[in-house]
Amino acid sequence: MTTGIPAEPPPFARELLRWRRTRRVSQLELASRAGTTQRYVSFIERGRSVPGREIVIRLAESLDLTPRERNSLLLAAGYAPAFTESALDTAALKPVREALDSILEGHLPYPAVVAGPRGELVAANAAFDVLTEGAAPELLAPPVNVLRLALHPRGTASRVVNLDTWGRHIVENLRSRSLRSPDLRLDALVAELAAYVPASEPGADHLGFAVPLRLRCPEGELRLLTTLTSFATAVDVTLAELRLEAFLPADPESAGILRDRAARRG
């Protein structure tokens, strides 16, 4: 007797189940967030129900997927993507580029950089040169990866006093992001970067957050804190994946060094 239930769930059903497990959300919780029933979510995951576009979008939102991931889920369900993906040099993103340039300029005399999801350099301000000084030419040749530049032994890492703690902080943040949004290319980069970071045991005063970058430069030692900013409400995939990393002095001495460098730069 034919039951009408497919032997194997269709692509969307498998993807929904994968994401639900990745997010560690029960069927009941997901149903509650998406405004539907646990029974319906169960039917979708078993391939017994074919969801409409609206419920696919609600499920993706409830799982807190990125725009790129939401597009992929829609495609798996047989629907067109909801978010565009524009190149940064297109007219559509010109206002964004201008806004980013303004932010970078406004952060001077402190370093700031805009990067893609895996560390691809998009833009940087003039003060970013304090992080590139002495780096191997191949690390500064386009396309520059700011994460590799930071932790490679021939990059910024050669001047980082606390490479063990600062480097581990970067690697663990990337690893957490990859766990939340699985990405094989990011996994490969994390494995590469982790190999550059020396092993160490956290001391009794280890806090696990707000790890300052202690960087040697000709003027002395800089102590810098970083802030990461993203476009949380972006409706373009490219824009949603950009990250602005701004460095701030952790003490008056570091601020003075950066101001003096800016004055000499003119």
Protein backbone atom coordinates (compact mmCIF):
# COMPACT_ATOMS: atom_id res chain seq x y z
CA MET A 1 0.00 0.00 0.00
CA THR A 2 1.32 3.45 -0.91
CA THR A 3 1.38 5.88 2.00
CA GLY A 4 2.27 9.00 0.01
CA ILE A 5 5.19 9.70 2.36
CA PRO A 6 8.49 10.04 0.48
CA ALA A 7 11.21 7.51 1.34
CA GLU A 8 13.60 10.39 2.00
CA PRO A 9 12.59 13.93 2.97
CA PRO A 10 13.08 16.55 0.24
CA PRO A 11 15.99 19.05 0.36
CA PHE A 12 14.06 21.73 2.26
CA ALA A 13 12.97 19.26 4.95
CA ARG A 14 16.56 18.13 5.46
CA GLU A 15 17.85 21.69 5.56
CA LEU A 16 15.23 22.79 8.08
CA LEU A 17 16.07 19.86 10.34
CA ARG A 18 19.79 20.60 10.03
CA TRP A 19 19.35 24.23 10.96
CA ARG A 20 17.00 23.45 13.82
CA ARG A 21 19.56 21.06 15.27
CA THR A 22 22.40 23.51 14.68
CA ARG A 23 20.45 26.16 16.60
CA ARG A 24 19.48 23.58 19.24
CA VAL A 25 15.82 24.50 19.01
CA SER A 26 12.99 22.04 19.57
CA GLN A 27 10.12 21.65 17.11
CA LEU A 28 7.80 23.17 19.68
CA GLU A 29 9.99 26.22 20.24
CA LEU A 30 10.50 26.77 16.52
CA ALA A 31 6.78 26.45 15.89
CA SER A 32 6.03 28.97 18.63
CA ARG A 33 8.52 31.47 17.21
CA ALA A 34 7.20 31.06 13.66
CA GLY A 35 3.53 31.25 14.63
CA THR A 36 2.61 27.71 13.62
CA THR A 37 2.18 24.31 15.27
CA GLN A 38 4.65 21.63 16.29
CA ARG A 39 2.63 19.16 14.22
CA TYR A 40 3.11 21.26 11.08
CA VAL A 41 6.88 21.63 11.68
CA SER A 42 7.08 17.87 12.16
CA PHE A 43 5.19 17.27 8.91
CA ILE A 44 7.55 19.62 7.04
CA GLU A 45 10.66 17.90 8.40
CA ARG A 46 9.27 14.49 7.42
CA GLY A 47 8.37 15.66 3.94
CA ARG A 48 4.65 15.23 4.50
CA SER A 49 3.85 18.93 4.01
CA VAL A 50 5.08 21.37 1.39
CA PRO A 51 5.49 24.80 2.99
CA GLY A 52 4.52 28.04 1.28
CA ARG A 53 7.01 30.86 0.78
CA GLU A 54 5.66 32.87 3.73
CA ILE A 55 6.17 30.09 6.26
CA VAL A 56 9.66 29.37 4.88
CA ILE A 57 10.57 33.01 5.49
CA ARG A 58 9.07 32.90 9.00
CA LEU A 59 10.98 29.73 9.83
CA ALA A 60 14.23 31.24 8.56
CA GLU A 61 13.66 34.38 10.64
CA SER A 62 12.84 32.26 13.69
CA LEU A 63 16.11 30.37 13.29
CA ASP A 64 17.97 33.70 13.10
CA LEU A 65 19.59 32.84 9.79
CA THR A 66 21.72 35.34 7.92
CA PRO A 67 20.41 36.77 4.63
CA ARG A 68 22.63 34.36 2.68
CA GLU A 69 21.35 31.41 4.71
CA ARG A 70 17.75 32.54 4.28
CA ASN A 71 18.25 32.69 0.53
CA SER A 72 19.64 29.16 0.56
CA LEU A 73 16.67 27.90 2.56
CA LEU A 74 14.24 29.53 0.13
CA LEU A 75 16.05 27.96 -2.82
CA ALA A 76 15.91 24.55 -1.14
CA ALA A 77 12.14 25.00 -0.87
CA GLY A 78 11.91 25.93 -4.55
CA TYR A 79 11.42 29.68 -4.11
CA ALA A 80 13.38 32.68 -5.35
CA PRO A 81 15.83 34.33 -2.94
CA ALA A 82 14.52 37.21 -0.83
CA PHE A 83 17.78 39.17 -0.59
CA THR A 84 19.88 40.62 -3.38
CA GLU A 85 23.66 40.23 -3.46
CA SER A 86 25.32 43.27 -4.95
CA ALA A 87 28.97 43.95 -5.67
CA LEU A 88 30.36 46.78 -3.57
CA ASP A 89 31.25 48.79 -6.66
CA THR A 90 27.65 48.88 -7.94
CA ALA A 91 25.56 52.04 -7.91
CA ALA A 92 23.11 50.42 -5.49
CA LEU A 93 25.74 50.29 -2.74
CA LYS A 94 27.35 53.66 -3.45
CA PRO A 95 25.68 55.31 -0.41
CA VAL A 96 27.00 52.44 1.73
CA ARG A 97 30.53 52.89 0.44
CA GLU A 98 30.36 56.60 1.13
CA ALA A 99 29.03 55.97 4.63
CA LEU A 100 31.81 53.47 5.35
CA ASP A 101 34.45 55.89 4.08
CA SER A 102 33.01 58.57 6.37
CA ILE A 103 33.09 56.23 9.37
CA LEU A 104 36.67 55.17 8.68
CA GLU A 105 37.78 58.78 8.28
CA GLY A 106 35.90 59.83 11.40
CA HIS A 107 37.64 57.19 13.51
CA LEU A 108 41.06 58.72 12.91
CA PRO A 109 43.59 58.98 14.48
CA TYR A 110 42.74 55.41 15.51
CA PRO A 111 42.89 52.40 13.16
CA ALA A 112 39.75 50.97 11.58
CA VAL A 113 39.10 48.44 8.85
CA VAL A 114 36.13 47.00 6.96
CA ALA A 115 36.35 43.32 6.09
CA GLY A 116 34.27 40.58 4.52
CA PRO A 117 32.98 37.47 6.31
CA ARG A 118 36.30 35.60 6.15
CA GLY A 119 38.59 38.57 6.71
CA GLU A 120 38.75 39.89 3.15
CA LEU A 121 39.98 43.50 3.27
CA VAL A 122 37.39 45.91 1.87
CA ALA A 123 38.65 49.28 3.14
CA ALA A 124 40.84 50.77 5.87
CA ASN A 125 41.77 54.20 7.13
CA ALA A 126 45.24 55.73 7.14
CA ALA A 127 45.93 54.73 10.75
CA PHE A 128 45.69 51.06 9.83
CA ASP A 129 49.35 51.29 8.80
CA VAL A 130 50.34 50.76 12.43
CA LEU A 131 49.11 47.18 12.04
CA THR A 132 50.77 46.52 8.68
CA GLU A 133 54.25 47.86 9.44
CA GLY A 134 56.93 45.23 8.88
CA ALA A 135 54.54 42.67 7.45
CA ALA A 136 55.76 40.41 4.65
CA PRO A 137 54.90 41.77 1.18
CA GLU A 138 52.93 38.66 0.25
CA LEU A 139 50.54 39.28 3.15
CA LEU A 140 49.88 42.80 1.87
CA ALA A 141 49.35 41.83 -1.76
CA PRO A 142 45.71 41.88 -2.88
CA PRO A 143 43.50 40.22 -1.95
CA VAL A 144 44.56 40.97 1.63
CA ASN A 145 43.07 38.88 4.42
CA VAL A 146 43.17 40.91 7.63
CA LEU A 147 42.76 37.82 9.84
CA ARG A 148 45.74 36.08 8.26
CA LEU A 149 47.70 39.35 8.39
CA ALA A 150 46.94 39.63 12.10
CA LEU A 151 48.08 36.15 13.15
CA HIS A 152 50.64 35.06 10.56
CA PRO A 153 54.20 34.91 11.98
CA ARG A 154 55.34 37.24 9.16
CA GLY A 155 52.46 39.63 9.75
CA THR A 156 51.27 41.74 12.67
CA ALA A 157 51.78 38.76 15.00
CA SER A 158 55.56 39.29 14.95
CA ARG A 159 55.00 42.48 17.00
CA VAL A 160 52.18 41.29 19.28
CA VAL A 161 53.33 40.95 22.89
CA ASN A 162 50.34 38.86 24.00
CA LEU A 163 49.87 36.77 20.87
CA ASP A 164 48.80 33.71 22.86
CA THR A 165 45.77 35.35 24.51
CA TRP A 166 44.89 37.84 21.77
CA GLY A 167 45.28 35.26 19.02
CA ARG A 168 43.23 32.68 20.89
CA HIS A 169 40.49 35.29 21.37
CA ILE A 170 40.30 35.84 17.60
CA VAL A 171 40.33 32.13 16.77
CA GLU A 172 37.66 31.25 19.32
CA ASN A 173 35.37 34.03 18.09
CA LEU A 174 35.73 32.75 14.53
CA ARG A 175 35.16 29.16 15.66
CA SER A 176 31.97 30.20 17.46
CA ARG A 177 30.74 31.97 14.34
CA SER A 178 31.45 28.89 12.23
CA LEU A 179 29.57 26.68 14.67
CA ARG A 180 26.57 28.98 14.45
CA SER A 181 26.74 29.35 10.67
CA PRO A 182 28.64 26.33 9.27
CA ASP A 183 31.11 27.35 6.57
CA LEU A 184 33.78 24.96 5.26
CA ARG A 185 35.98 27.81 4.01
CA LEU A 186 35.82 29.53 7.38
CA ASP A 187 36.62 26.21 9.07
CA ALA A 188 39.74 25.91 6.93
CA LEU A 189 40.80 29.45 7.81
CA VAL A 190 40.22 28.83 11.52
CA ALA A 191 42.41 25.71 11.34
CA GLU A 192 45.16 27.72 9.61
CA LEU A 193 45.01 30.60 12.08
CA ALA A 194 44.88 28.32 15.12
CA ALA A 195 48.20 26.81 14.01
CA TYR A 196 49.82 30.26 14.24
CA VAL A 197 48.76 30.91 17.84
CA PRO A 198 51.13 29.64 20.54
CA ALA A 199 49.64 27.39 23.20
CA SER A 200 49.20 28.79 26.67
CA GLU A 201 47.28 28.16 29.85
CA PRO A 202 44.99 31.00 30.98
CA GLY A 203 46.19 32.52 34.23
CA ALA A 204 44.16 33.21 37.36
CA ASP A 205 43.37 36.72 36.10
CA HIS A 206 42.07 35.51 32.72
CA LEU A 207 38.74 37.17 31.90
CA GLY A 208 38.01 35.64 28.50
CA PHE A 209 36.77 38.88 26.96
CA ALA A 210 37.95 42.41 26.17
CA VAL A 211 41.43 41.06 25.43
CA PRO A 212 43.60 44.09 24.56
CA LEU A 213 46.04 43.97 21.68
CA ARG A 214 49.51 44.78 22.98
CA LEU A 215 51.47 45.87 19.93
CA ARG A 216 55.11 46.93 19.73
CA CYS A 217 55.79 49.93 17.51
CA PRO A 218 58.74 52.32 17.15
CA GLU A 219 57.16 54.74 19.64
CA GLY A 220 56.58 52.14 22.35
CA GLU A 221 53.85 49.64 23.16
CA LEU A 222 50.28 50.22 22.04
CA ARG A 223 47.40 48.78 24.02
CA LEU A 224 44.29 48.62 21.85
CA LEU A 225 40.75 47.38 22.34
CA THR A 226 38.57 46.47 19.38
CA THR A 227 34.90 46.90 18.60
CA LEU A 228 33.07 44.98 15.88
CA THR A 229 30.10 46.49 14.06
CA SER A 230 27.85 44.84 11.49
CA PHE A 231 24.77 45.89 9.52
CA ALA A 232 22.15 43.96 11.47
CA THR A 233 19.18 45.15 9.38
CA ALA A 234 20.84 44.87 5.97
CA VAL A 235 18.67 43.66 3.08
CA ASP A 236 21.63 42.93 0.80
CA VAL A 237 23.78 39.83 1.35
CA THR A 238 27.04 41.65 0.69
CA LEU A 239 26.24 44.43 3.13
CA ALA A 240 25.04 42.00 5.80
CA GLU A 241 28.37 40.18 5.73
CA LEU A 242 30.59 43.25 6.15
CA ARG A 243 32.20 43.91 9.51
CA LEU A 244 33.75 47.14 10.72
CA GLU A 245 36.57 46.60 13.22
CA ALA A 246 37.57 49.75 15.03
CA PHE A 247 40.57 49.93 17.37
CA LEU A 248 40.47 52.15 20.45
CA PRO A 249 43.34 53.08 22.76
CA ALA A 250 43.17 51.32 26.12
CA ASP A 251 45.27 53.94 27.89
CA PRO A 252 46.36 57.60 27.49
CA GLU A 253 49.84 56.59 26.32
CA SER A 254 48.43 54.61 23.39
CA ALA A 255 46.12 57.47 22.46
CA GLY A 256 49.06 59.86 22.48
CA ILE A 257 51.17 57.62 20.23
CA LEU A 258 48.36 57.36 17.67
CA ARG A 259 47.70 61.11 17.73
CA ASP A 260 51.40 61.84 17.21
CA ARG A 261 51.55 59.39 14.29
CA ALA A 262 48.54 61.09 12.70
CA ALA A 263 50.19 64.51 13.09
CA ARG A 264 53.37 63.28 11.39
CA ARG A 265 51.31 61.69 8.63
CA GLY A 266 49.78 65.09 7.96
